[in-house]
Amino acid sequence: MTPAQIDYLRDFAIEFLPRAQADRAQVSRLGGDFYSKLAFTSVMVRGNASTTAVEYAAAQVLESVCLLQQSLTKKERADTLHNLTAAANGLCLHTGKTISWLASVPEGIEPEPVPEAQKPLPSIAGQFLSTAEAAKAMGFAEQTLRQWASTESGPISPTKVARRLKWAGDDILEMLRNRM
């Protein structure tokens, strides 16, 4: 993989991480070590329980890109490039985007799995979910759903049940199908 391709993957991952975008802006304004900031951001994103699958995959890409900036042995570099390819393929899978020059991951190597807390709920059809459950199923922060409800601006709307917001599982599944 060429340095230009690695930079492309870095920028592709940053596109899905607002905090990394802020890091880039801060480094361009104030200076500093961009890759140290990106490495820290990727660790913070991956450690956050409310991180979406897309953000998690983008953080994996950034982590591999940052590792490539260090002095590595030939084997470590090859392993890191392999991990970068796997992570980038995972990000493409989650975002529905295709990078034509990105090699597929050889058989037997899987991208790092998404933590259990970030996987969709098993079966939500016909159910009404709390805001926390709905956010987990859709891969959004709870506050995003609350904002949708208060401004009536989201792709789906909740129902109020005893002063609580309830989100229809069928609506969530439909939104997720349309997003893919």
Protein backbone atom coordinates (compact mmCIF):
# COMPACT_ATOMS: atom_id res chain seq x y z
CA MET A 1 0.00 0.00 0.00
CA THR A 2 1.40 3.38 -0.98
CA PRO A 3 1.72 6.37 1.39
CA ALA A 4 -0.97 8.18 -0.65
CA GLN A 5 -3.36 5.25 -0.15
CA ILE A 6 -2.64 5.21 3.59
CA ASP A 7 -3.36 8.96 3.74
CA TYR A 8 -6.60 8.38 1.82
CA LEU A 9 -7.69 5.73 4.35
CA ARG A 10 -6.77 8.09 7.21
CA ASP A 11 -8.93 10.84 5.71
CA PHE A 12 -11.72 8.35 4.94
CA ALA A 13 -11.78 7.29 8.62
CA ILE A 14 -11.61 10.89 9.88
CA GLU A 15 -14.75 11.62 7.85
CA PHE A 16 -16.74 9.47 10.32
CA LEU A 17 -15.19 10.78 13.55
CA PRO A 18 -16.08 14.36 14.53
CA ARG A 19 -13.45 14.33 17.28
CA ALA A 20 -10.73 13.44 14.74
CA GLN A 21 -11.97 16.27 12.51
CA ALA A 22 -11.56 18.63 15.47
CA ASP A 23 -8.05 17.22 16.07
CA ARG A 24 -7.09 17.99 12.46
CA ALA A 25 -8.42 21.55 12.76
CA GLN A 26 -6.61 22.11 16.06
CA VAL A 27 -3.27 20.83 14.73
CA SER A 28 -3.57 23.01 11.62
CA ARG A 29 -4.28 26.05 13.84
CA LEU A 30 -1.95 25.44 16.77
CA GLY A 31 0.52 22.82 15.55
CA GLY A 32 1.37 19.62 17.34
CA ASP A 33 1.73 15.95 16.55
CA PHE A 34 -1.29 15.02 14.45
CA TYR A 35 -0.76 11.26 14.71
CA SER A 36 -0.45 11.34 18.50
CA LYS A 37 -3.79 13.13 18.68
CA LEU A 38 -5.37 10.67 16.25
CA ALA A 39 -4.03 7.70 18.21
CA PHE A 40 -5.50 9.11 21.43
CA THR A 41 -8.81 9.79 19.69
CA SER A 42 -8.99 6.24 18.30
CA VAL A 43 -8.42 4.79 21.78
CA MET A 44 -11.08 7.06 23.30
CA VAL A 45 -13.63 6.23 20.59
CA ARG A 46 -13.05 2.49 20.88
CA GLY A 47 -13.40 2.66 24.68
CA ASN A 48 -16.68 4.56 24.65
CA ALA A 49 -19.75 2.38 25.19
CA SER A 50 -21.96 4.63 23.04
CA THR A 51 -19.67 4.40 20.00
CA THR A 52 -21.47 3.28 16.85
CA ALA A 53 -20.19 0.43 14.69
CA VAL A 54 -19.12 2.92 11.99
CA GLU A 55 -17.17 5.02 14.51
CA TYR A 56 -15.59 1.89 15.95
CA ALA A 57 -14.46 0.71 12.50
CA ALA A 58 -13.12 4.20 11.67
CA ALA A 59 -11.16 4.20 14.94
CA GLN A 60 -9.63 0.84 13.99
CA VAL A 61 -8.47 2.32 10.68
CA LEU A 62 -6.96 5.34 12.46
CA GLU A 63 -5.19 3.14 14.98
CA SER A 64 -3.49 1.16 12.20
CA VAL A 65 -2.57 4.32 10.28
CA CYS A 66 -1.02 5.79 13.44
CA LEU A 67 0.97 2.62 14.06
CA LEU A 68 2.42 2.87 10.55
CA GLN A 69 3.91 6.25 11.48
CA GLN A 70 6.16 4.56 14.05
CA SER A 71 9.41 2.66 13.51
CA LEU A 72 8.34 -0.90 12.83
CA THR A 73 10.15 -4.05 11.86
CA LYS A 74 9.35 -5.49 8.46
CA LYS A 75 7.03 -8.10 10.00
CA GLU A 76 5.29 -5.55 12.25
CA ARG A 77 4.74 -3.27 9.25
CA ALA A 78 3.31 -6.15 7.20
CA ASP A 79 1.01 -7.14 10.07
CA THR A 80 -0.11 -3.53 10.56
CA LEU A 81 -0.82 -3.11 6.83
CA HIS A 82 -2.83 -6.31 6.96
CA ASN A 83 -4.79 -5.00 9.98
CA LEU A 84 -5.32 -1.69 8.17
CA THR A 85 -6.74 -3.52 5.16
CA ALA A 86 -9.07 -5.54 7.38
CA ALA A 87 -10.19 -2.44 9.30
CA ALA A 88 -10.73 -0.43 6.09
CA ASN A 89 -12.78 -3.27 4.60
CA GLY A 90 -14.85 -3.30 7.80
CA LEU A 91 -15.42 0.45 7.56
CA CYS A 92 -16.44 0.09 3.90
CA LEU A 93 -18.86 -2.68 4.88
CA HIS A 94 -20.46 -0.52 7.60
CA THR A 95 -20.70 2.60 5.43
CA GLY A 96 -21.66 0.93 2.15
CA LYS A 97 -18.76 2.61 0.35
CA THR A 98 -16.32 0.86 -1.96
CA ILE A 99 -12.64 1.59 -2.45
CA SER A 100 -11.65 -0.08 -5.72
CA TRP A 101 -7.93 -0.39 -4.97
CA LEU A 102 -8.43 -1.77 -1.47
CA ALA A 103 -7.36 -5.40 -1.41
CA SER A 104 -9.66 -7.87 0.20
CA VAL A 105 -8.58 -9.50 3.43
CA PRO A 106 -7.02 -12.94 2.90
CA GLU A 107 -9.02 -15.92 4.11
CA GLY A 108 -8.74 -16.78 7.77
CA ILE A 109 -8.28 -13.16 8.87
CA GLU A 110 -11.29 -11.35 10.23
CA PRO A 111 -11.58 -7.69 11.19
CA GLU A 112 -11.72 -7.14 14.94
CA PRO A 113 -15.29 -7.86 16.05
CA VAL A 114 -17.57 -5.05 17.12
CA PRO A 115 -18.10 -5.18 20.90
CA GLU A 116 -21.34 -6.79 22.06
CA ALA A 117 -22.65 -3.45 23.36
CA GLN A 118 -22.62 -2.08 19.80
CA LYS A 119 -24.37 -4.94 18.00
CA PRO A 120 -28.03 -4.51 17.06
CA LEU A 121 -30.69 -6.03 19.28
CA PRO A 122 -31.63 -9.57 18.19
CA SER A 123 -35.33 -9.09 17.49
CA ILE A 124 -37.17 -5.83 17.93
CA ALA A 125 -40.03 -6.31 15.46
CA GLY A 126 -43.38 -5.62 17.05
CA GLN A 127 -41.82 -4.18 20.22
CA PHE A 128 -41.58 -0.70 21.68
CA LEU A 129 -38.14 0.21 22.97
CA SER A 130 -36.88 2.74 25.46
CA THR A 131 -34.67 5.53 24.18
CA ALA A 132 -31.56 3.71 25.44
CA GLU A 133 -32.55 0.46 23.70
CA ALA A 134 -33.48 2.26 20.48
CA ALA A 135 -30.21 4.21 20.45
CA LYS A 136 -28.27 0.99 20.89
CA ALA A 137 -30.18 -0.72 18.08
CA MET A 138 -29.71 2.20 15.67
CA GLY A 139 -26.13 3.02 16.59
CA PHE A 140 -26.85 6.58 17.75
CA ALA A 141 -26.35 8.38 21.04
CA GLU A 142 -29.45 8.58 23.26
CA GLN A 143 -29.28 12.37 23.14
CA THR A 144 -29.62 12.26 19.35
CA LEU A 145 -32.93 10.41 19.67
CA ARG A 146 -34.14 12.84 22.34
CA GLN A 147 -33.30 15.72 20.02
CA TRP A 148 -35.22 14.05 17.18
CA ALA A 149 -38.21 13.75 19.48
CA SER A 150 -38.11 17.34 20.74
CA THR A 151 -37.55 18.93 17.31
CA GLU A 152 -39.53 16.35 15.33
CA SER A 153 -36.60 16.21 12.91
CA GLY A 154 -35.52 12.57 12.93
CA PRO A 155 -36.09 9.82 10.41
CA ILE A 156 -38.50 8.17 12.87
CA SER A 157 -40.66 9.54 15.66
CA PRO A 158 -41.36 8.10 19.09
CA THR A 159 -44.67 7.58 20.84
CA LYS A 160 -45.23 8.96 24.34
CA VAL A 161 -46.35 6.35 26.82
CA ALA A 162 -46.85 7.59 30.41
CA ARG A 163 -44.53 10.58 29.81
CA ARG A 164 -41.82 8.28 28.42
CA LEU A 165 -40.60 8.04 24.83
CA LYS A 166 -41.12 4.66 23.20
CA TRP A 167 -39.66 3.82 19.81
CA ALA A 168 -41.37 1.28 17.54
CA GLY A 169 -39.07 -1.61 16.66
CA ASP A 170 -40.69 -1.91 13.23
CA ASP A 171 -39.84 1.75 12.47
CA ILE A 172 -36.25 1.19 13.59
CA LEU A 173 -35.87 -1.90 11.40
CA GLU A 174 -37.31 -0.05 8.40
CA MET A 175 -34.93 2.87 8.94
CA LEU A 176 -31.96 0.50 9.22
CA ARG A 177 -33.00 -1.31 6.01
CA ASN A 178 -33.23 2.00 4.14
CA ARG A 179 -29.84 3.09 5.48
CA MET A 180 -28.08 0.01 4.10
